[in-house]
PDB file of N, CA and C in Angstrom:
ATOM      1  N   MET A   1    -159.059  41.190-169.014  1.00  0.00           N
ATOM      2  CA  MET A   1    -157.633  41.190-169.118  1.00  0.00           C
ATOM      3  C   MET A   1    -157.192  40.123-170.135  1.00  0.00           C
ATOM      4  N   LYS A   2    -156.244  40.502-170.931  1.00  0.00           N
ATOM      5  CA  LYS A   2    -155.752  39.622-171.919  1.00  0.00           C
ATOM      6  C   LYS A   2    -154.679  38.714-171.368  1.00  0.00           C
ATOM      7  N   ILE A   3    -154.581  37.470-171.855  1.00  0.00           N
ATOM      8  CA  ILE A   3    -153.639  36.506-171.402  1.00  0.00           C
ATOM      9  C   ILE A   3    -152.190  36.912-171.671  1.00  0.00           C
ATOM     10  N   SER A   4    -152.020  37.701-172.734  1.00  0.00           N
ATOM     11  CA  SER A   4    -150.667  38.154-173.094  1.00  0.00           C
ATOM     12  C   SER A   4    -150.184  39.159-171.939  1.00  0.00           C
ATOM     13  N   GLU A   5    -151.048  39.955-171.381  1.00  0.00           N
ATOM     14  CA  GLU A   5    -150.748  40.867-170.336  1.00  0.00           C
ATOM     15  C   GLU A   5    -150.286  40.148-169.094  1.00  0.00           C
ATOM     16  N   LEU A   6    -150.939  39.028-168.826  1.00  0.00           N
ATOM     17  CA  LEU A   6    -150.615  38.213-167.629  1.00  0.00           C
ATOM     18  C   LEU A   6    -149.342  37.492-167.795  1.00  0.00           C
ATOM     19  N   ARG A   7    -149.025  37.087-169.026  1.00  0.00           N
ATOM     20  CA  ARG A   7    -147.735  36.386-169.246  1.00  0.00           C
ATOM     21  C   ARG A   7    -146.541  37.321-169.103  1.00  0.00           C
ATOM     22  N   GLU A   8    -146.733  38.601-169.284  1.00  0.00           N
ATOM     23  CA  GLU A   8    -145.631  39.554-169.171  1.00  0.00           C
ATOM     24  C   GLU A   8    -145.293  39.811-167.716  1.00  0.00           C
ATOM     25  N   MET A   9    -146.197  39.459-166.779  1.00  0.00           N
ATOM     26  CA  MET A   9    -145.984  39.784-165.330  1.00  0.00           C
ATOM     27  C   MET A   9    -145.022  38.798-164.748  1.00  0.00           C
ATOM     28  N   SER A  10    -144.360  39.209-163.656  1.00  0.00           N
ATOM     29  CA  SER A  10    -143.543  38.288-162.896  1.00  0.00           C
ATOM     30  C   SER A  10    -144.355  37.499-162.003  1.00  0.00           C
ATOM     31  N   ASN A  11    -143.764  36.488-161.364  1.00  0.00           N
ATOM     32  CA  ASN A  11    -144.545  35.712-160.452  1.00  0.00           C
ATOM     33  C   ASN A  11    -145.206  36.436-159.286  1.00  0.00           C
ATOM     34  N   GLU A  12    -144.366  37.406-158.798  1.00  0.00           N
ATOM     35  CA  GLU A  12    -144.892  38.202-157.615  1.00  0.00           C
ATOM     36  C   GLU A  12    -146.017  39.090-158.085  1.00  0.00           C
ATOM     37  N   GLU A  13    -145.955  39.706-159.237  1.00  0.00           N
ATOM     38  CA  GLU A  13    -147.042  40.462-159.774  1.00  0.00           C
ATOM     39  C   GLU A  13    -148.267  39.668-160.072  1.00  0.00           C
ATOM     40  N   LEU A  14    -148.037  38.532-160.551  1.00  0.00           N
ATOM     41  CA  LEU A  14    -149.113  37.580-160.754  1.00  0.00           C
ATOM     42  C   LEU A  14    -149.967  37.242-159.534  1.00  0.00           C
ATOM     43  N   ASN A  15    -149.153  36.912-158.536  1.00  0.00           N
ATOM     44  CA  ASN A  15    -149.766  36.584-157.158  1.00  0.00           C
ATOM     45  C   ASN A  15    -150.550  37.763-156.661  1.00  0.00           C
ATOM     46  N   GLU A  16    -150.031  39.005-156.786  1.00  0.00           N
ATOM     47  CA  GLU A  16    -150.649  40.188-156.344  1.00  0.00           C
ATOM     48  C   GLU A  16    -151.978  40.432-157.085  1.00  0.00           C
ATOM     49  N   LYS A  17    -151.867  40.141-158.479  1.00  0.00           N
ATOM     50  CA  LYS A  17    -153.046  40.274-159.351  1.00  0.00           C
ATOM     51  C   LYS A  17    -154.175  39.361-158.903  1.00  0.00           C
ATOM     52  N   VAL A  18    -153.807  38.109-158.542  1.00  0.00           N
ATOM     53  CA  VAL A  18    -154.827  37.108-158.168  1.00  0.00           C
ATOM     54  C   VAL A  18    -155.448  37.545-156.848  1.00  0.00           C
ATOM     55  N   TYR A  19    -154.630  38.074-155.978  1.00  0.00           N
ATOM     56  CA  TYR A  19    -155.163  38.602-154.650  1.00  0.00           C
ATOM     57  C   TYR A  19    -156.134  39.717-154.908  1.00  0.00           C
ATOM     58  N   LEU A  20    -155.817  40.605-155.731  1.00  0.00           N
ATOM     59  CA  LEU A  20    -156.758  41.787-156.054  1.00  0.00           C
ATOM     60  C   LEU A  20    -158.019  41.332-156.710  1.00  0.00           C
ATOM     61  N   LEU A  21    -157.872  40.410-157.608  1.00  0.00           N
ATOM     62  CA  LEU A  21    -158.999  39.873-158.352  1.00  0.00           C
ATOM     63  C   LEU A  21    -160.016  39.107-157.329  1.00  0.00           C
ATOM     64  N   LYS A  22    -159.452  38.363-156.460  1.00  0.00           N
ATOM     65  CA  LYS A  22    -160.258  37.661-155.431  1.00  0.00           C
ATOM     66  C   LYS A  22    -160.983  38.620-154.528  1.00  0.00           C
ATOM     67  N   GLU A  23    -160.305  39.715-154.200  1.00  0.00           N
ATOM     68  CA  GLU A  23    -160.872  40.791-153.419  1.00  0.00           C
ATOM     69  C   GLU A  23    -162.032  41.460-154.148  1.00  0.00           C
ATOM     70  N   GLN A  24    -161.834  41.742-155.470  1.00  0.00           N
ATOM     71  CA  GLN A  24    -162.820  42.307-156.251  1.00  0.00           C
ATOM     72  C   GLN A  24    -164.042  41.437-156.408  1.00  0.00           C
ATOM     73  N   LEU A  25    -163.784  40.099-156.545  1.00  0.00           N
ATOM     74  CA  LEU A  25    -164.885  39.076-156.690  1.00  0.00           C
ATOM     75  C   LEU A  25    -165.724  39.064-155.372  1.00  0.00           C
ATOM     76  N   PHE A  26    -165.018  39.123-154.242  1.00  0.00           N
ATOM     77  CA  PHE A  26    -165.743  39.248-152.956  1.00  0.00           C
ATOM     78  C   PHE A  26    -166.648  40.401-152.867  1.00  0.00           C
ATOM     79  N   ASN A  27    -166.152  41.563-153.293  1.00  0.00           N
ATOM     80  CA  ASN A  27    -166.903  42.806-153.281  1.00  0.00           C
ATOM     81  C   ASN A  27    -168.122  42.698-154.158  1.00  0.00           C
ATOM     82  N   LEU A  28    -167.915  42.128-155.354  1.00  0.00           N
ATOM     83  CA  LEU A  28    -169.037  41.943-156.317  1.00  0.00           C
ATOM     84  C   LEU A  28    -170.091  41.082-155.787  1.00  0.00           C
ATOM     85  N   ARG A  29    -169.647  39.954-155.171  1.00  0.00           N
ATOM     86  CA  ARG A  29    -170.691  39.025-154.673  1.00  0.00           C
ATOM     87  C   ARG A  29    -171.469  39.668-153.450  1.00  0.00           C
ATOM     88  N   ARG A  30    -170.752  40.486-152.680  1.00  0.00           N
ATOM     89  CA  ARG A  30    -171.457  41.174-151.630  1.00  0.00           C
ATOM     90  C   ARG A  30    -172.481  42.115-152.190  1.00  0.00           C
ATOM     91  N   LYS A  31    -172.060  42.915-153.215  1.00  0.00           N
ATOM     92  CA  LYS A  31    -173.061  43.768-153.870  1.00  0.00           C
ATOM     93  C   LYS A  31    -174.270  43.051-154.410  1.00  0.00           C
ATOM     94  N   LYS A  32    -173.945  41.935-155.023  1.00  0.00           N
ATOM     95  CA  LYS A  32    -175.092  41.133-155.541  1.00  0.00           C
ATOM     96  C   LYS A  32    -176.031  40.671-154.476  1.00  0.00           C
ATOM     97  N   ALA A  33    -175.493  40.316-153.338  1.00  0.00           N
ATOM     98  CA  ALA A  33    -176.342  39.771-152.190  1.00  0.00           C
ATOM     99  C   ALA A  33    -177.308  40.910-151.671  1.00  0.00           C
ATOM    100  N   VAL A  34    -176.881  42.155-151.738  1.00  0.00           N
ATOM    101  CA  VAL A  34    -177.693  43.177-151.178  1.00  0.00           C
ATOM    102  C   VAL A  34    -178.468  43.896-152.306  1.00  0.00           C
ATOM    103  N   GLY A  35    -178.237  43.472-153.546  1.00  0.00           N
ATOM    104  CA  GLY A  35    -179.029  44.000-154.657  1.00  0.00           C
ATOM    105  C   GLY A  35    -178.523  45.277-155.245  1.00  0.00           C
ATOM    106  N   GLN A  36    -177.241  45.589-155.036  1.00  0.00           N
ATOM    107  CA  GLN A  36    -176.692  46.793-155.658  1.00  0.00           C
ATOM    108  C   GLN A  36    -175.873  46.562-156.894  1.00  0.00           C
ATOM    109  N   LEU A  37    -175.679  45.309-157.305  1.00  0.00           N
ATOM    110  CA  LEU A  37    -174.963  44.993-158.478  1.00  0.00           C
ATOM    111  C   LEU A  37    -175.834  45.257-159.723  1.00  0.00           C
ATOM    112  N   GLU A  38    -175.314  46.034-160.652  1.00  0.00           N
ATOM    113  CA  GLU A  38    -176.122  46.416-161.846  1.00  0.00           C
ATOM    114  C   GLU A  38    -175.740  45.461-162.979  1.00  0.00           C
ATOM    115  N   HIS A  39    -174.504  45.100-163.133  1.00  0.00           N
ATOM    116  CA  HIS A  39    -174.071  44.335-164.277  1.00  0.00           C
ATOM    117  C   HIS A  39    -173.531  42.984-163.713  1.00  0.00           C
ATOM    118  N   GLY A  40    -174.312  41.897-163.786  1.00  0.00           N
ATOM    119  CA  GLY A  40    -173.939  40.633-163.282  1.00  0.00           C
ATOM    120  C   GLY A  40    -172.804  39.969-164.065  1.00  0.00           C
ATOM    121  N   GLU A  41    -172.569  40.404-165.269  1.00  0.00           N
ATOM    122  CA  GLU A  41    -171.535  39.779-166.089  1.00  0.00           C
ATOM    123  C   GLU A  41    -170.105  40.140-165.515  1.00  0.00           C
ATOM    124  N   GLU A  42    -170.021  41.195-164.689  1.00  0.00           N
ATOM    125  CA  GLU A  42    -168.765  41.496-164.070  1.00  0.00           C
ATOM    126  C   GLU A  42    -168.218  40.374-163.256  1.00  0.00           C
ATOM    127  N   ILE A  43    -169.058  39.677-162.553  1.00  0.00           N
ATOM    128  CA  ILE A  43    -168.659  38.474-161.753  1.00  0.00           C
ATOM    129  C   ILE A  43    -168.010  37.448-162.632  1.00  0.00           C
ATOM    130  N   ARG A  44    -168.678  37.152-163.740  1.00  0.00           N
ATOM    131  CA  ARG A  44    -168.125  36.134-164.654  1.00  0.00           C
ATOM    132  C   ARG A  44    -166.763  36.598-165.264  1.00  0.00           C
ATOM    133  N   ARG A  45    -166.601  37.907-165.524  1.00  0.00           N
ATOM    134  CA  ARG A  45    -165.358  38.394-166.116  1.00  0.00           C
ATOM    135  C   ARG A  45    -164.214  38.203-165.103  1.00  0.00           C
ATOM    136  N   VAL A  46    -164.480  38.574-163.836  1.00  0.00           N
ATOM    137  CA  VAL A  46    -163.503  38.461-162.794  1.00  0.00           C
ATOM    138  C   VAL A  46    -163.031  37.015-162.564  1.00  0.00           C
ATOM    139  N   ARG A  47    -164.134  36.102-162.505  1.00  0.00           N
ATOM    140  CA  ARG A  47    -163.808  34.698-162.336  1.00  0.00           C
ATOM    141  C   ARG A  47    -162.955  34.106-163.530  1.00  0.00           C
ATOM    142  N   LYS A  48    -163.190  34.598-164.749  1.00  0.00           N
ATOM    143  CA  LYS A  48    -162.406  34.207-165.818  1.00  0.00           C
ATOM    144  C   LYS A  48    -160.935  34.694-165.743  1.00  0.00           C
ATOM    145  N   ASP A  49    -160.833  35.927-165.284  1.00  0.00           N
ATOM    146  CA  ASP A  49    -159.464  36.542-165.132  1.00  0.00           C
ATOM    147  C   ASP A  49    -158.670  35.784-164.052  1.00  0.00           C
ATOM    148  N   ILE A  50    -159.379  35.347-162.989  1.00  0.00           N
ATOM    149  CA  ILE A  50    -158.662  34.511-161.965  1.00  0.00           C
ATOM    150  C   ILE A  50    -158.211  33.238-162.558  1.00  0.00           C
ATOM    151  N   ALA A  51    -159.123  32.559-163.382  1.00  0.00           N
ATOM    152  CA  ALA A  51    -158.714  31.332-163.920  1.00  0.00           C
ATOM    153  C   ALA A  51    -157.555  31.479-164.958  1.00  0.00           C
ATOM    154  N   LYS A  52    -157.552  32.615-165.672  1.00  0.00           N
ATOM    155  CA  LYS A  52    -156.392  32.805-166.592  1.00  0.00           C
ATOM    156  C   LYS A  52    -155.060  32.914-165.775  1.00  0.00           C
ATOM    157  N   ALA A  53    -155.182  33.658-164.675  1.00  0.00           N
ATOM    158  CA  ALA A  53    -153.936  33.891-163.856  1.00  0.00           C
ATOM    159  C   ALA A  53    -153.510  32.505-163.332  1.00  0.00           C
ATOM    160  N   TYR A  54    -154.424  31.734-162.811  1.00  0.00           N
ATOM    161  CA  TYR A  54    -154.030  30.388-162.325  1.00  0.00           C
ATOM    162  C   TYR A  54    -153.502  29.516-163.438  1.00  0.00           C
ATOM    163  N   THR A  55    -153.977  29.598-164.624  1.00  0.00           N
ATOM    164  CA  THR A  55    -153.448  28.857-165.678  1.00  0.00           C
ATOM    165  C   THR A  55    -152.038  29.247-166.001  1.00  0.00           C
ATOM    166  N   ILE A  56    -151.704  30.550-166.033  1.00  0.00           N
ATOM    167  CA  ILE A  56    -150.371  31.039-166.232  1.00  0.00           C
ATOM    168  C   ILE A  56    -149.371  30.483-165.145  1.00  0.00           C
ATOM    169  N   GLN A  57    -149.866  30.512-163.858  1.00  0.00           N
ATOM    170  CA  GLN A  57    -149.029  30.075-162.740  1.00  0.00           C
ATOM    171  C   GLN A  57    -148.751  28.586-162.930  1.00  0.00           C
ATOM    172  N   ARG A  58    -149.730  27.841-163.324  1.00  0.00           N
ATOM    173  CA  ARG A  58    -149.513  26.383-163.499  1.00  0.00           C
ATOM    174  C   ARG A  58    -148.568  26.057-164.732  1.00  0.00           C
ATOM    175  N   GLU A  59    -148.715  26.860-165.740  1.00  0.00           N
ATOM    176  CA  GLU A  59    -147.790  26.670-166.868  1.00  0.00           C
ATOM    177  C   GLU A  59    -146.383  26.962-166.490  1.00  0.00           C
ATOM    178  N   ARG A  60    -146.155  27.886-165.631  1.00  0.00           N
ATOM    179  CA  ARG A  60    -144.790  28.202-165.147  1.00  0.00           C
ATOM    180  C   ARG A  60    -144.308  27.040-164.272  1.00  0.00           C
ATOM    181  N   GLU A  61    -145.150  26.496-163.447  1.00  0.00           N
ATOM    182  CA  GLU A  61    -144.768  25.448-162.621  1.00  0.00           C
ATOM    183  C   GLU A  61    -144.258  24.199-163.348  1.00  0.00           C
ATOM    184  N   LEU A  62    -145.005  23.968-164.520  1.00  0.00           N
ATOM    185  CA  LEU A  62    -144.752  22.816-165.331  1.00  0.00           C
ATOM    186  C   LEU A  62    -143.628  23.131-166.410  1.00  0.00           C
ATOM    187  N   GLY A  63    -143.252  24.404-166.614  1.00  0.00           N
ATOM    188  CA  GLY A  63    -142.290  24.794-167.547  1.00  0.00           C
ATOM    189  C   GLY A  63    -142.808  24.841-168.905  1.00  0.00           C
ATOM    190  N   ILE A  64    -144.063  25.074-169.133  1.00  0.00           N
ATOM    191  CA  ILE A  64    -144.666  25.191-170.421  1.00  0.00           C
ATOM    192  C   ILE A  64    -144.538  26.648-170.922  1.00  0.00           C
ATOM    193  N   LYS A  65    -144.220  26.790-172.104  1.00  0.00           N
ATOM    194  CA  LYS A  65    -144.030  28.251-172.658  1.00  0.00           C
ATOM    195  C   LYS A  65    -145.284  28.567-173.480  1.00  0.00           C
TER     196      LYS A  65
END
């Protein structure tokens, strides 16, 4: 997910996106634990997307554009 897409979202949409990404990360970790995960880089991508969303939330709290 691109950071420009996240910046276009409202605060509520961003919170919803973080929730969905965390849920997806949980499912990927569970698949990895039982050996069903084929592409391990998916976990890294989801973690980075969560970090991007948190960065946007923090920028909005601080009033940074």
